[in-house]
Amino acid sequence: MSDDVMVLDGNAAAGALGSLFAFDATTAIVRCGNCHASGPLAELRFYGSPQAMVLRCKNCGEVNLRLLETESSINLDLRGAARIDISRAT
């Protein structure tokens, strides 16, 4: 990773992910498949743009989520996340 790239947090992914899920995706708890750290998606490190993004673990830097949006499809790759927990509204 380059030090001169502006790094945002996972909140920057809210708009794009909100179009895929019927809940606030930034509140989902993501467990990193590499270091097993857990925390809200909002705390992951965001790289890219709303149409082409990578979200990395804030602890080890491993890619947890990739999203690529084109005119005809949305490709969501979650293989870097060992688990994603979504709380039910009460």
Protein backbone atom coordinates (compact mmCIF):
# COMPACT_ATOMS: atom_id res chain seq x y z
CA MET A 1 0.00 0.00 0.00
CA SER A 2 1.23 3.45 -0.82
CA ASP A 3 1.53 6.04 1.96
CA ASP A 4 0.51 8.90 -0.34
CA VAL A 5 -3.01 7.49 -1.00
CA MET A 6 -5.84 9.11 0.95
CA VAL A 7 -7.36 6.41 3.12
CA LEU A 8 -10.97 6.73 4.24
CA ASP A 9 -12.90 4.43 6.53
CA GLY A 10 -15.65 1.96 5.65
CA ASN A 11 -18.33 4.66 5.94
CA ALA A 12 -17.27 5.75 2.45
CA ALA A 13 -18.80 2.48 1.17
CA ALA A 14 -22.26 3.18 2.67
CA GLY A 15 -23.91 4.45 -0.51
CA ALA A 16 -22.79 1.64 -2.78
CA LEU A 17 -23.45 -1.08 -0.22
CA GLY A 18 -26.79 0.47 0.73
CA SER A 19 -28.03 -0.26 -2.80
CA LEU A 20 -27.27 -3.98 -2.25
CA PHE A 21 -28.54 -4.54 1.27
CA ALA A 22 -31.77 -3.66 3.06
CA PHE A 23 -29.90 -2.58 6.19
CA ASP A 24 -27.07 -0.23 7.07
CA ALA A 25 -24.13 -2.38 5.93
CA THR A 26 -21.65 -0.22 7.84
CA THR A 27 -23.02 -1.63 11.11
CA ALA A 28 -22.35 -5.26 10.13
CA ILE A 29 -19.53 -6.86 12.13
CA VAL A 30 -16.77 -8.16 9.86
CA ARG A 31 -14.27 -10.77 11.02
CA CYS A 32 -11.02 -10.66 9.05
CA GLY A 33 -10.13 -13.96 7.42
CA ASN A 34 -6.45 -13.27 7.96
CA CYS A 35 -5.94 -11.91 11.50
CA HIS A 36 -9.44 -12.70 12.86
CA ALA A 37 -9.95 -9.16 14.21
CA SER A 38 -13.63 -8.18 14.37
CA GLY A 39 -15.31 -4.81 14.14
CA PRO A 40 -17.95 -2.81 12.27
CA LEU A 41 -17.58 -2.58 8.51
CA ALA A 42 -17.42 1.20 9.04
CA GLU A 43 -13.97 0.75 10.60
CA LEU A 44 -12.45 -1.01 7.56
CA ARG A 45 -10.10 1.06 5.39
CA PHE A 46 -11.68 2.17 2.10
CA TYR A 47 -9.67 2.48 -1.13
CA GLY A 48 -11.05 3.38 -4.54
CA SER A 49 -14.38 4.87 -5.54
CA PRO A 50 -18.05 4.01 -4.93
CA GLN A 51 -18.03 1.99 -8.20
CA ALA A 52 -14.70 0.17 -7.66
CA MET A 53 -13.67 -0.29 -4.04
CA VAL A 54 -11.51 -2.37 -1.77
CA LEU A 55 -12.10 -2.48 2.00
CA ARG A 56 -9.11 -3.61 4.07
CA CYS A 57 -8.78 -4.75 7.67
CA LYS A 58 -7.71 -1.85 9.88
CA ASN A 59 -5.45 -4.19 11.88
CA CYS A 60 -3.52 -6.21 9.28
CA GLY A 61 -4.38 -4.50 5.97
CA GLU A 62 -5.74 -7.67 4.35
CA VAL A 63 -8.53 -7.19 1.77
CA ASN A 64 -11.89 -8.16 3.33
CA LEU A 65 -14.28 -6.91 0.64
CA ARG A 66 -14.11 -5.94 -3.02
CA LEU A 67 -16.93 -4.32 -5.00
CA LEU A 68 -17.01 -3.51 -8.70
CA GLU A 69 -20.10 -1.89 -10.19
CA THR A 70 -20.64 -1.70 -13.95
CA GLU A 71 -23.65 -0.69 -16.04
CA SER A 72 -24.85 -4.30 -16.17
CA SER A 73 -23.77 -5.85 -12.86
CA ILE A 74 -22.43 -5.53 -9.35
CA ASN A 75 -19.61 -7.88 -8.35
CA LEU A 76 -19.20 -8.30 -4.59
CA ASP A 77 -16.27 -10.41 -3.34
CA LEU A 78 -16.31 -11.17 0.40
CA ARG A 79 -13.72 -13.98 0.44
CA GLY A 80 -11.35 -11.99 2.67
CA ALA A 81 -13.93 -11.84 5.44
CA ALA A 82 -14.15 -14.97 7.59
CA ARG A 83 -17.58 -13.92 8.80
CA ILE A 84 -20.08 -11.07 8.59
CA ASP A 85 -22.59 -10.68 11.41
CA ILE A 86 -25.72 -8.61 10.87
CA SER A 87 -27.85 -7.64 13.87
CA ARG A 88 -31.61 -7.90 13.50
CA ALA A 89 -33.63 -4.77 14.26
CA THR A 90 -35.43 -5.15 17.56
